[in-house]
Amino acid sequence: MLELFLACSRIGLSGFGGVLPLLRHMLVEQRRLLDGPEFNALLGLCQFLPGSNVINLAVCVGARLHGVRGAIVVTAGLLIAPFALMMGLAALYGLWGHLAIVQDMLRGIAAAGAGLLFATGLKMAQAMHERWLYLPFAVLILVAMVVLKLPLPPLMLALLAVTAGLAWWRARRALAEAGKVPRP
């Protein structure tokens, strides 16, 4: 578990603009602790919970791997070192944050973070290749938020109802094909 703590600490310290892309890379591509669809499912669950998606994800992944101790270790790994670093950077920003070079540097970091987040979204979409039926829902949410500017919570609740119904229908159909329940 020490190795997992240190890996999460490295991610937390290098995750300027967000650690989700780095966390996904470590969990799915590098260490293969989860596969792409598992990661997507856990992240989807964590987006419904209150609080930070990444912290919720850390708790879920840690608990899945090592129970309660794992949840604590992974979450602490993501938070302790970055918290200490941010306290120091906040003090420095208080002194020099008004300088143009500091503002330009922060804009560059924000652009890099946006690019990493976009790349993670593409990788998550690729993991849906076996579940292509759900891809239109992702597109609908994107259009509803970006074009129509609808708030996310009601959209997610509506999507939850629709996808739960779709999952129920698919499960019932699979059981019917196996001869376990009568076809509707």
N, C-alpha and C. Protein backbone atom coordinates (compact mmCIF):
# COMPACT_ATOMS: atom_id res chain seq x y z
N MET A 1 0.83 -1.20 0.00
CA MET A 1 0.00 0.00 0.00
C MET A 1 0.87 1.26 0.00
N LEU A 2 2.08 1.16 0.51
CA LEU A 2 2.98 2.31 0.48
C LEU A 2 3.24 2.72 -0.96
N GLU A 3 3.41 1.74 -1.84
CA GLU A 3 3.65 2.04 -3.26
C GLU A 3 2.46 2.79 -3.86
N LEU A 4 1.25 2.39 -3.49
CA LEU A 4 0.04 3.07 -3.97
C LEU A 4 -0.04 4.49 -3.42
N PHE A 5 0.31 4.67 -2.14
CA PHE A 5 0.33 6.00 -1.53
C PHE A 5 1.31 6.91 -2.27
N LEU A 6 2.51 6.40 -2.52
CA LEU A 6 3.53 7.21 -3.20
C LEU A 6 3.12 7.53 -4.64
N ALA A 7 2.53 6.57 -5.32
CA ALA A 7 2.06 6.82 -6.69
C ALA A 7 1.00 7.91 -6.69
N CYS A 8 0.08 7.85 -5.75
CA CYS A 8 -0.97 8.88 -5.67
C CYS A 8 -0.40 10.23 -5.26
N SER A 9 0.63 10.22 -4.42
CA SER A 9 1.28 11.48 -4.05
C SER A 9 1.95 12.12 -5.26
N ARG A 10 2.61 11.30 -6.08
CA ARG A 10 3.23 11.83 -7.31
C ARG A 10 2.17 12.42 -8.23
N ILE A 11 1.04 11.73 -8.35
CA ILE A 11 -0.04 12.24 -9.18
C ILE A 11 -0.56 13.55 -8.63
N GLY A 12 -0.79 13.59 -7.32
CA GLY A 12 -1.29 14.81 -6.70
C GLY A 12 -0.36 15.99 -6.88
N LEU A 13 0.94 15.73 -6.82
CA LEU A 13 1.92 16.81 -6.97
C LEU A 13 2.10 17.26 -8.41
N SER A 14 1.82 16.39 -9.36
CA SER A 14 2.05 16.77 -10.75
C SER A 14 0.76 17.09 -11.49
N GLY A 15 -0.35 17.09 -10.80
CA GLY A 15 -1.64 17.25 -11.45
C GLY A 15 -2.12 18.68 -11.56
N PHE A 16 -1.30 19.57 -12.07
CA PHE A 16 -1.74 20.95 -12.27
C PHE A 16 -2.85 20.96 -13.31
N GLY A 17 -3.96 21.57 -12.97
CA GLY A 17 -5.10 21.62 -13.88
C GLY A 17 -6.04 20.44 -13.68
N GLY A 18 -5.69 19.54 -12.79
CA GLY A 18 -6.56 18.40 -12.50
C GLY A 18 -5.79 17.11 -12.56
N VAL A 19 -6.11 16.20 -11.66
CA VAL A 19 -5.39 14.93 -11.59
C VAL A 19 -6.13 13.79 -12.26
N LEU A 20 -7.35 14.02 -12.71
CA LEU A 20 -8.13 12.93 -13.30
C LEU A 20 -7.40 12.25 -14.46
N PRO A 21 -6.83 12.98 -15.42
CA PRO A 21 -6.12 12.30 -16.51
C PRO A 21 -4.95 11.46 -16.01
N LEU A 22 -4.22 11.97 -15.03
CA LEU A 22 -3.07 11.24 -14.51
C LEU A 22 -3.52 10.03 -13.69
N LEU A 23 -4.58 10.19 -12.92
CA LEU A 23 -5.10 9.08 -12.13
C LEU A 23 -5.60 7.97 -13.05
N ARG A 24 -6.31 8.34 -14.11
CA ARG A 24 -6.79 7.34 -15.06
C ARG A 24 -5.62 6.61 -15.71
N HIS A 25 -4.60 7.37 -16.11
CA HIS A 25 -3.43 6.76 -16.75
C HIS A 25 -2.78 5.74 -15.82
N MET A 26 -2.60 6.13 -14.55
CA MET A 26 -1.95 5.23 -13.59
C MET A 26 -2.80 3.99 -13.32
N LEU A 27 -4.10 4.17 -13.13
CA LEU A 27 -4.98 3.05 -12.76
C LEU A 27 -5.28 2.12 -13.93
N VAL A 28 -5.49 2.69 -15.12
CA VAL A 28 -5.95 1.89 -16.26
C VAL A 28 -4.80 1.46 -17.16
N GLU A 29 -3.95 2.39 -17.54
CA GLU A 29 -2.95 2.09 -18.55
C GLU A 29 -1.63 1.60 -17.96
N GLN A 30 -1.21 2.20 -16.86
CA GLN A 30 0.10 1.88 -16.32
C GLN A 30 0.07 0.64 -15.42
N ARG A 31 -0.77 0.67 -14.38
CA ARG A 31 -0.79 -0.44 -13.40
C ARG A 31 -1.88 -1.47 -13.68
N ARG A 32 -2.81 -1.14 -14.56
CA ARG A 32 -3.91 -2.04 -14.93
C ARG A 32 -4.68 -2.56 -13.72
N LEU A 33 -4.92 -1.65 -12.78
CA LEU A 33 -5.73 -2.00 -11.61
C LEU A 33 -7.22 -2.00 -11.96
N LEU A 34 -7.59 -1.23 -12.97
CA LEU A 34 -8.96 -1.18 -13.49
C LEU A 34 -8.87 -1.21 -15.01
N ASP A 35 -9.94 -1.65 -15.66
CA ASP A 35 -9.97 -1.49 -17.12
C ASP A 35 -10.78 -0.22 -17.44
N GLY A 36 -10.78 0.17 -18.69
CA GLY A 36 -11.44 1.42 -19.09
C GLY A 36 -12.90 1.49 -18.69
N PRO A 37 -13.71 0.46 -19.00
CA PRO A 37 -15.12 0.51 -18.60
C PRO A 37 -15.33 0.57 -17.08
N GLU A 38 -14.48 -0.14 -16.31
CA GLU A 38 -14.59 -0.06 -14.85
C GLU A 38 -14.32 1.36 -14.36
N PHE A 39 -13.28 1.98 -14.92
CA PHE A 39 -12.95 3.35 -14.54
C PHE A 39 -14.12 4.27 -14.86
N ASN A 40 -14.67 4.14 -16.06
CA ASN A 40 -15.80 4.99 -16.46
C ASN A 40 -16.99 4.80 -15.53
N ALA A 41 -17.28 3.55 -15.17
CA ALA A 41 -18.41 3.28 -14.29
C ALA A 41 -18.20 3.88 -12.91
N LEU A 42 -16.99 3.71 -12.36
CA LEU A 42 -16.71 4.30 -11.05
C LEU A 42 -16.77 5.82 -11.09
N LEU A 43 -16.21 6.41 -12.13
CA LEU A 43 -16.25 7.87 -12.24
C LEU A 43 -17.69 8.35 -12.38
N GLY A 44 -18.49 7.64 -13.16
CA GLY A 44 -19.90 8.00 -13.29
C GLY A 44 -20.60 7.99 -11.95
N LEU A 45 -20.34 6.96 -11.15
CA LEU A 45 -20.92 6.89 -9.81
C LEU A 45 -20.45 8.06 -8.96
N CYS A 46 -19.17 8.35 -9.01
CA CYS A 46 -18.59 9.41 -8.18
C CYS A 46 -19.11 10.79 -8.56
N GLN A 47 -19.52 10.97 -9.80
CA GLN A 47 -20.06 12.26 -10.22
C GLN A 47 -21.44 12.51 -9.63
N PHE A 48 -22.12 11.46 -9.19
CA PHE A 48 -23.42 11.62 -8.55
C PHE A 48 -23.29 11.91 -7.06
N LEU A 49 -22.14 11.65 -6.49
CA LEU A 49 -21.94 11.85 -5.05
C LEU A 49 -21.54 13.29 -4.78
N PRO A 50 -21.87 13.80 -3.60
CA PRO A 50 -21.42 15.16 -3.27
C PRO A 50 -19.91 15.19 -3.06
N GLY A 51 -19.30 16.32 -3.36
CA GLY A 51 -17.87 16.47 -3.18
C GLY A 51 -17.11 16.37 -4.49
N SER A 52 -15.80 16.37 -4.36
CA SER A 52 -14.91 16.33 -5.52
C SER A 52 -14.96 14.95 -6.18
N ASN A 53 -15.13 14.95 -7.50
CA ASN A 53 -15.18 13.68 -8.24
C ASN A 53 -13.91 12.86 -8.04
N VAL A 54 -12.76 13.52 -8.06
CA VAL A 54 -11.49 12.80 -7.96
C VAL A 54 -11.31 12.22 -6.56
N ILE A 55 -11.69 12.96 -5.54
CA ILE A 55 -11.58 12.44 -4.18
C ILE A 55 -12.55 11.28 -3.99
N ASN A 56 -13.77 11.43 -4.48
CA ASN A 56 -14.72 10.32 -4.42
C ASN A 56 -14.17 9.10 -5.13
N LEU A 57 -13.54 9.33 -6.29
CA LEU A 57 -12.95 8.23 -7.05
C LEU A 57 -11.81 7.58 -6.27
N ALA A 58 -10.99 8.40 -5.62
CA ALA A 58 -9.90 7.85 -4.81
C ALA A 58 -10.43 6.95 -3.70
N VAL A 59 -11.49 7.39 -3.05
CA VAL A 59 -12.09 6.58 -1.98
C VAL A 59 -12.60 5.26 -2.56
N CYS A 60 -13.32 5.32 -3.68
CA CYS A 60 -13.88 4.10 -4.28
C CYS A 60 -12.80 3.14 -4.75
N VAL A 61 -11.79 3.65 -5.42
CA VAL A 61 -10.71 2.79 -5.92
C VAL A 61 -9.93 2.19 -4.76
N GLY A 62 -9.58 3.03 -3.78
CA GLY A 62 -8.85 2.52 -2.62
C GLY A 62 -9.63 1.45 -1.88
N ALA A 63 -10.94 1.68 -1.71
CA ALA A 63 -11.78 0.69 -1.03
C ALA A 63 -11.88 -0.60 -1.83
N ARG A 64 -11.96 -0.49 -3.14
CA ARG A 64 -12.05 -1.68 -3.99
C ARG A 64 -10.76 -2.51 -3.90
N LEU A 65 -9.63 -1.82 -3.82
CA LEU A 65 -8.35 -2.53 -3.81
C LEU A 65 -7.97 -3.07 -2.44
N HIS A 66 -8.22 -2.27 -1.37
CA HIS A 66 -7.73 -2.64 -0.03
C HIS A 66 -8.70 -2.32 1.09
N GLY A 67 -9.96 -2.17 0.80
CA GLY A 67 -10.93 -1.89 1.86
C GLY A 67 -10.81 -0.47 2.40
N VAL A 68 -11.21 -0.29 3.65
CA VAL A 68 -11.20 1.05 4.26
C VAL A 68 -9.79 1.62 4.31
N ARG A 69 -8.82 0.79 4.67
CA ARG A 69 -7.43 1.29 4.72
C ARG A 69 -6.98 1.77 3.34
N GLY A 70 -7.35 1.07 2.31
CA GLY A 70 -7.01 1.49 0.96
C GLY A 70 -7.64 2.82 0.60
N ALA A 71 -8.90 3.00 1.00
CA ALA A 71 -9.58 4.27 0.73
C ALA A 71 -8.84 5.42 1.41
N ILE A 72 -8.41 5.21 2.63
CA ILE A 72 -7.68 6.25 3.37
C ILE A 72 -6.32 6.51 2.73
N VAL A 73 -5.61 5.45 2.38
CA VAL A 73 -4.26 5.59 1.81
C VAL A 73 -4.30 6.31 0.47
N VAL A 74 -5.18 5.91 -0.42
CA VAL A 74 -5.24 6.53 -1.75
C VAL A 74 -5.66 8.00 -1.63
N THR A 75 -6.65 8.28 -0.80
CA THR A 75 -7.11 9.66 -0.64
C THR A 75 -6.03 10.52 0.00
N ALA A 76 -5.39 10.01 1.04
CA ALA A 76 -4.31 10.76 1.69
C ALA A 76 -3.16 11.00 0.71
N GLY A 77 -2.85 9.99 -0.10
CA GLY A 77 -1.79 10.14 -1.09
C GLY A 77 -2.08 11.26 -2.07
N LEU A 78 -3.33 11.38 -2.47
CA LEU A 78 -3.69 12.44 -3.41
C LEU A 78 -3.70 13.82 -2.76
N LEU A 79 -3.92 13.89 -1.45
CA LEU A 79 -4.17 15.19 -0.82
C LEU A 79 -3.03 15.78 0.00
N ILE A 80 -2.28 14.99 0.74
CA ILE A 80 -1.34 15.53 1.72
C ILE A 80 -0.25 16.38 1.07
N ALA A 81 0.50 15.82 0.14
CA ALA A 81 1.60 16.59 -0.48
C ALA A 81 1.09 17.80 -1.26
N PRO A 82 0.03 17.67 -2.08
CA PRO A 82 -0.46 18.85 -2.78
C PRO A 82 -0.98 19.93 -1.84
N PHE A 83 -1.57 19.53 -0.72
CA PHE A 83 -2.06 20.52 0.25
C PHE A 83 -0.89 21.33 0.79
N ALA A 84 0.18 20.66 1.19
CA ALA A 84 1.35 21.37 1.71
C ALA A 84 1.94 22.29 0.64
N LEU A 85 2.05 21.78 -0.58
CA LEU A 85 2.58 22.60 -1.68
C LEU A 85 1.70 23.82 -1.93
N MET A 86 0.39 23.63 -1.94
CA MET A 86 -0.52 24.75 -2.22
C MET A 86 -0.48 25.81 -1.13
N MET A 87 -0.26 25.41 0.09
CA MET A 87 -0.13 26.40 1.16
C MET A 87 1.09 27.29 0.90
N GLY A 88 2.18 26.66 0.48
CA GLY A 88 3.37 27.43 0.15
C GLY A 88 3.17 28.31 -1.07
N LEU A 89 2.53 27.77 -2.11
CA LEU A 89 2.28 28.56 -3.32
C LEU A 89 1.30 29.70 -3.06
N ALA A 90 0.34 29.48 -2.19
CA ALA A 90 -0.60 30.55 -1.85
C ALA A 90 0.12 31.71 -1.19
N ALA A 91 1.08 31.39 -0.34
CA ALA A 91 1.87 32.45 0.30
C ALA A 91 2.68 33.21 -0.75
N LEU A 92 3.28 32.49 -1.70
CA LEU A 92 4.05 33.15 -2.76
C LEU A 92 3.14 33.97 -3.68
N TYR A 93 1.95 33.45 -3.98
CA TYR A 93 1.01 34.18 -4.82
C TYR A 93 0.58 35.48 -4.13
N GLY A 94 0.42 35.42 -2.83
CA GLY A 94 0.09 36.63 -2.09
C GLY A 94 1.15 37.71 -2.25
N LEU A 95 2.39 37.29 -2.41
CA LEU A 95 3.49 38.25 -2.59
C LEU A 95 3.64 38.71 -4.04
N TRP A 96 3.52 37.79 -5.00
CA TRP A 96 3.85 38.10 -6.39
C TRP A 96 2.73 37.84 -7.39
N GLY A 97 1.55 37.54 -6.95
CA GLY A 97 0.44 37.20 -7.84
C GLY A 97 0.03 38.31 -8.78
N HIS A 98 0.33 39.53 -8.44
CA HIS A 98 -0.06 40.67 -9.28
C HIS A 98 0.85 40.84 -10.50
N LEU A 99 1.98 40.16 -10.54
CA LEU A 99 2.92 40.32 -11.66
C LEU A 99 2.38 39.67 -12.93
N ALA A 100 2.60 40.33 -14.07
CA ALA A 100 2.11 39.83 -15.35
C ALA A 100 2.68 38.45 -15.69
N ILE A 101 3.95 38.23 -15.38
CA ILE A 101 4.57 36.94 -15.71
C ILE A 101 3.91 35.81 -14.92
N VAL A 102 3.51 36.08 -13.70
CA VAL A 102 2.82 35.06 -12.89
C VAL A 102 1.45 34.78 -13.49
N GLN A 103 0.74 35.81 -13.90
CA GLN A 103 -0.58 35.63 -14.52
C GLN A 103 -0.47 34.83 -15.83
N ASP A 104 0.55 35.14 -16.64
CA ASP A 104 0.76 34.40 -17.90
C ASP A 104 1.07 32.93 -17.63
N MET A 105 1.89 32.68 -16.63
CA MET A 105 2.23 31.31 -16.27
C MET A 105 0.97 30.53 -15.86
N LEU A 106 0.11 31.14 -15.08
CA LEU A 106 -1.12 30.47 -14.64
C LEU A 106 -2.06 30.20 -15.81
N ARG A 107 -2.12 31.10 -16.78
CA ARG A 107 -2.94 30.86 -17.96
C ARG A 107 -2.41 29.67 -18.77
N GLY A 108 -1.10 29.56 -18.87
CA GLY A 108 -0.50 28.42 -19.57
C GLY A 108 -0.79 27.10 -18.87
N ILE A 109 -0.72 27.11 -17.56
CA ILE A 109 -1.03 25.90 -16.80
C ILE A 109 -2.49 25.52 -17.00
N ALA A 110 -3.38 26.50 -17.01
CA ALA A 110 -4.82 26.22 -17.21
C ALA A 110 -5.07 25.62 -18.59
N ALA A 111 -4.38 26.12 -19.61
CA ALA A 111 -4.55 25.57 -20.97
C ALA A 111 -4.06 24.13 -21.03
N ALA A 112 -2.94 23.85 -20.40
CA ALA A 112 -2.43 22.47 -20.38
C ALA A 112 -3.41 21.55 -19.66
N GLY A 113 -3.98 22.02 -18.57
CA GLY A 113 -4.96 21.22 -17.83
C GLY A 113 -6.20 20.94 -18.66
N ALA A 114 -6.65 21.92 -19.42
CA ALA A 114 -7.82 21.72 -20.28
C ALA A 114 -7.51 20.68 -21.36
N GLY A 115 -6.32 20.72 -21.91
CA GLY A 115 -5.92 19.73 -22.91
C GLY A 115 -5.87 18.32 -22.34
N LEU A 116 -5.34 18.18 -21.13
CA LEU A 116 -5.30 16.87 -20.48
C LEU A 116 -6.70 16.34 -20.22
N LEU A 117 -7.59 17.21 -19.79
CA LEU A 117 -8.97 16.80 -19.52
C LEU A 117 -9.67 16.35 -20.81
N PHE A 118 -9.44 17.08 -21.90
CA PHE A 118 -10.01 16.72 -23.19
C PHE A 118 -9.49 15.35 -23.65
N ALA A 119 -8.19 15.12 -23.50
CA ALA A 119 -7.60 13.83 -23.89
C ALA A 119 -8.19 12.70 -23.06
N THR A 120 -8.42 12.94 -21.77
CA THR A 120 -9.02 11.91 -20.92
C THR A 120 -10.44 11.61 -21.38
N GLY A 121 -11.18 12.64 -21.75
CA GLY A 121 -12.54 12.43 -22.26
C GLY A 121 -12.53 11.56 -23.51
N LEU A 122 -11.57 11.78 -24.40
CA LEU A 122 -11.47 10.96 -25.60
C LEU A 122 -11.14 9.51 -25.26
N LYS A 123 -10.24 9.30 -24.30
CA LYS A 123 -9.89 7.93 -23.91
C LYS A 123 -11.08 7.24 -23.26
N MET A 124 -11.86 7.99 -22.47
CA MET A 124 -13.04 7.40 -21.86
C MET A 124 -14.07 7.03 -22.93
N ALA A 125 -14.20 7.86 -23.95
CA ALA A 125 -15.13 7.55 -25.04
C ALA A 125 -14.67 6.30 -25.79
N GLN A 126 -13.36 6.14 -25.98
CA GLN A 126 -12.85 4.95 -26.66
C GLN A 126 -13.17 3.69 -25.86
N ALA A 127 -13.18 3.80 -24.53
CA ALA A 127 -13.49 2.64 -23.69
C ALA A 127 -14.95 2.23 -23.81
N MET A 128 -15.76 3.09 -24.43
CA MET A 128 -17.18 2.78 -24.60
C MET A 128 -17.44 2.01 -25.90
N HIS A 129 -16.40 1.61 -26.62
CA HIS A 129 -16.60 0.98 -27.93
C HIS A 129 -17.48 -0.27 -27.85
N GLU A 130 -17.44 -0.99 -26.74
CA GLU A 130 -18.31 -2.16 -26.61
C GLU A 130 -19.70 -1.77 -26.12
N ARG A 131 -19.83 -0.57 -25.64
CA ARG A 131 -21.11 -0.09 -25.13
C ARG A 131 -21.54 1.14 -25.92
N TRP A 132 -21.47 1.05 -27.22
CA TRP A 132 -21.77 2.18 -28.11
C TRP A 132 -23.17 2.70 -27.91
N LEU A 133 -24.07 1.89 -27.39
CA LEU A 133 -25.45 2.29 -27.19
C LEU A 133 -25.56 3.50 -26.25
N TYR A 134 -24.57 3.66 -25.35
CA TYR A 134 -24.62 4.75 -24.38
C TYR A 134 -23.99 6.04 -24.91
N LEU A 135 -23.26 5.98 -25.99
CA LEU A 135 -22.59 7.16 -26.53
C LEU A 135 -23.55 8.30 -26.87
N PRO A 136 -24.71 8.04 -27.45
CA PRO A 136 -25.63 9.16 -27.73
C PRO A 136 -26.04 9.94 -26.47
N PHE A 137 -26.07 9.26 -25.33
CA PHE A 137 -26.42 9.95 -24.10
C PHE A 137 -25.34 10.95 -23.71
N ALA A 138 -24.08 10.59 -23.92
CA ALA A 138 -22.99 11.51 -23.64
C ALA A 138 -23.09 12.73 -24.55
N VAL A 139 -23.41 12.50 -25.81
CA VAL A 139 -23.56 13.61 -26.77
C VAL A 139 -24.74 14.49 -26.37
N LEU A 140 -25.85 13.88 -25.98
CA LEU A 140 -27.02 14.66 -25.55
C LEU A 140 -26.70 15.55 -24.34
N ILE A 141 -25.99 15.01 -23.38
CA ILE A 141 -25.61 15.79 -22.20
C ILE A 141 -24.71 16.95 -22.61
N LEU A 142 -23.75 16.69 -23.47
CA LEU A 142 -22.85 17.74 -23.94
C LEU A 142 -23.62 18.85 -24.63
N VAL A 143 -24.52 18.50 -25.53
CA VAL A 143 -25.33 19.51 -26.24
C VAL A 143 -26.21 20.27 -25.25
N ALA A 144 -26.84 19.55 -24.33
CA ALA A 144 -27.73 20.20 -23.36
C ALA A 144 -26.97 21.20 -22.49
N MET A 145 -25.74 20.86 -22.13
CA MET A 145 -24.96 21.76 -21.27
C MET A 145 -24.32 22.90 -22.05
N VAL A 146 -23.70 22.58 -23.18
CA VAL A 146 -22.93 23.59 -23.91
C VAL A 146 -23.82 24.49 -24.75
N VAL A 147 -24.75 23.90 -25.48
CA VAL A 147 -25.59 24.68 -26.39
C VAL A 147 -26.79 25.27 -25.67
N LEU A 148 -27.51 24.42 -24.94
CA LEU A 148 -28.73 24.88 -24.27
C LEU A 148 -28.47 25.48 -22.89
N LYS A 149 -27.26 25.28 -22.36
CA LYS A 149 -26.84 25.82 -21.07
C LYS A 149 -27.76 25.38 -19.92
N LEU A 150 -28.16 24.11 -19.97
CA LEU A 150 -28.99 23.54 -18.91
C LEU A 150 -28.09 23.11 -17.75
N PRO A 151 -28.59 23.17 -16.51
CA PRO A 151 -27.76 22.78 -15.36
C PRO A 151 -27.54 21.26 -15.31
N LEU A 152 -26.37 20.87 -14.83
CA LEU A 152 -25.98 19.47 -14.83
C LEU A 152 -26.82 18.57 -13.92
N PRO A 153 -27.13 18.94 -12.67
CA PRO A 153 -27.84 17.98 -11.80
C PRO A 153 -29.16 17.45 -12.37
N PRO A 154 -30.07 18.29 -12.88
CA PRO A 154 -31.29 17.71 -13.44
C PRO A 154 -31.02 16.86 -14.68
N LEU A 155 -30.03 17.24 -15.46
CA LEU A 155 -29.68 16.45 -16.64
C LEU A 155 -29.19 15.06 -16.23
N MET A 156 -28.36 15.01 -15.21
CA MET A 156 -27.83 13.72 -14.76
C MET A 156 -28.94 12.86 -14.18
N LEU A 157 -29.88 13.46 -13.46
CA LEU A 157 -31.00 12.68 -12.93
C LEU A 157 -31.86 12.11 -14.07
N ALA A 158 -32.12 12.92 -15.07
CA ALA A 158 -32.89 12.44 -16.22
C ALA A 158 -32.13 11.33 -16.94
N LEU A 159 -30.84 11.53 -17.13
CA LEU A 159 -30.02 10.51 -17.79
C LEU A 159 -29.97 9.23 -16.96
N LEU A 160 -29.91 9.36 -15.65
CA LEU A 160 -29.92 8.19 -14.78
C LEU A 160 -31.19 7.37 -15.01
N ALA A 161 -32.32 8.05 -15.06
CA ALA A 161 -33.58 7.34 -15.27
C ALA A 161 -33.61 6.63 -16.62
N VAL A 162 -33.17 7.32 -17.66
CA VAL A 162 -33.19 6.73 -19.01
C VAL A 162 -32.21 5.56 -19.11
N THR A 163 -30.99 5.74 -18.63
CA THR A 163 -30.01 4.66 -18.75
C THR A 163 -30.34 3.49 -17.84
N ALA A 164 -30.93 3.75 -16.67
CA ALA A 164 -31.37 2.65 -15.80
C ALA A 164 -32.47 1.85 -16.50
N GLY A 165 -33.40 2.54 -17.15
CA GLY A 165 -34.44 1.84 -17.90
C GLY A 165 -33.85 1.03 -19.04
N LEU A 166 -32.88 1.60 -19.74
CA LEU A 166 -32.23 0.89 -20.83
C LEU A 166 -31.48 -0.35 -20.32
N ALA A 167 -30.78 -0.20 -19.21
CA ALA A 167 -30.06 -1.34 -18.63
C ALA A 167 -31.04 -2.43 -18.19
N TRP A 168 -32.17 -2.04 -17.60
CA TRP A 168 -33.18 -3.01 -17.18
C TRP A 168 -33.73 -3.75 -18.40
N TRP A 169 -34.02 -3.00 -19.46
CA TRP A 169 -34.55 -3.59 -20.69
C TRP A 169 -33.56 -4.60 -21.28
N ARG A 170 -32.28 -4.21 -21.32
CA ARG A 170 -31.26 -5.11 -21.88
C ARG A 170 -31.09 -6.36 -21.02
N ALA A 171 -31.12 -6.20 -19.70
CA ALA A 171 -30.98 -7.36 -18.81
C ALA A 171 -32.18 -8.29 -18.97
N ARG A 172 -33.36 -7.72 -19.04
CA ARG A 172 -34.58 -8.53 -19.20
C ARG A 172 -34.56 -9.27 -20.54
N ARG A 173 -34.11 -8.59 -21.58
CA ARG A 173 -34.02 -9.22 -22.90
C ARG A 173 -33.02 -10.37 -22.89
N ALA A 174 -31.87 -10.17 -22.22
CA ALA A 174 -30.86 -11.23 -22.14
C ALA A 174 -31.40 -12.44 -21.38
N LEU A 175 -32.14 -12.19 -20.30
CA LEU A 175 -32.75 -13.29 -19.55
C LEU A 175 -33.79 -14.02 -20.39
N ALA A 176 -34.56 -13.26 -21.15
CA ALA A 176 -35.58 -13.87 -22.01
C ALA A 176 -34.93 -14.75 -23.08
N GLU A 177 -33.83 -14.28 -23.64
CA GLU A 177 -33.13 -15.08 -24.65
C GLU A 177 -32.53 -16.34 -24.06
N ALA A 178 -32.21 -16.29 -22.76
CA ALA A 178 -31.67 -17.47 -22.07
C ALA A 178 -32.80 -18.38 -21.58
N GLY A 179 -34.06 -17.95 -21.79
CA GLY A 179 -35.20 -18.76 -21.38
C GLY A 179 -35.54 -18.66 -19.91
N LYS A 180 -35.05 -17.63 -19.23
CA LYS A 180 -35.28 -17.50 -17.79
C LYS A 180 -36.51 -16.68 -17.45
N VAL A 181 -36.95 -15.80 -18.33
CA VAL A 181 -38.18 -15.03 -18.11
C VAL A 181 -38.92 -14.95 -19.44
N PRO A 182 -40.23 -14.82 -19.40
CA PRO A 182 -40.97 -14.71 -20.67
C PRO A 182 -40.63 -13.40 -21.37
N ARG A 183 -40.57 -13.45 -22.69
CA ARG A 183 -40.32 -12.23 -23.48
C ARG A 183 -41.49 -11.29 -23.33
N PRO A 184 -41.23 -9.99 -23.22
CA PRO A 184 -42.33 -9.01 -23.11
C PRO A 184 -43.09 -8.87 -24.41
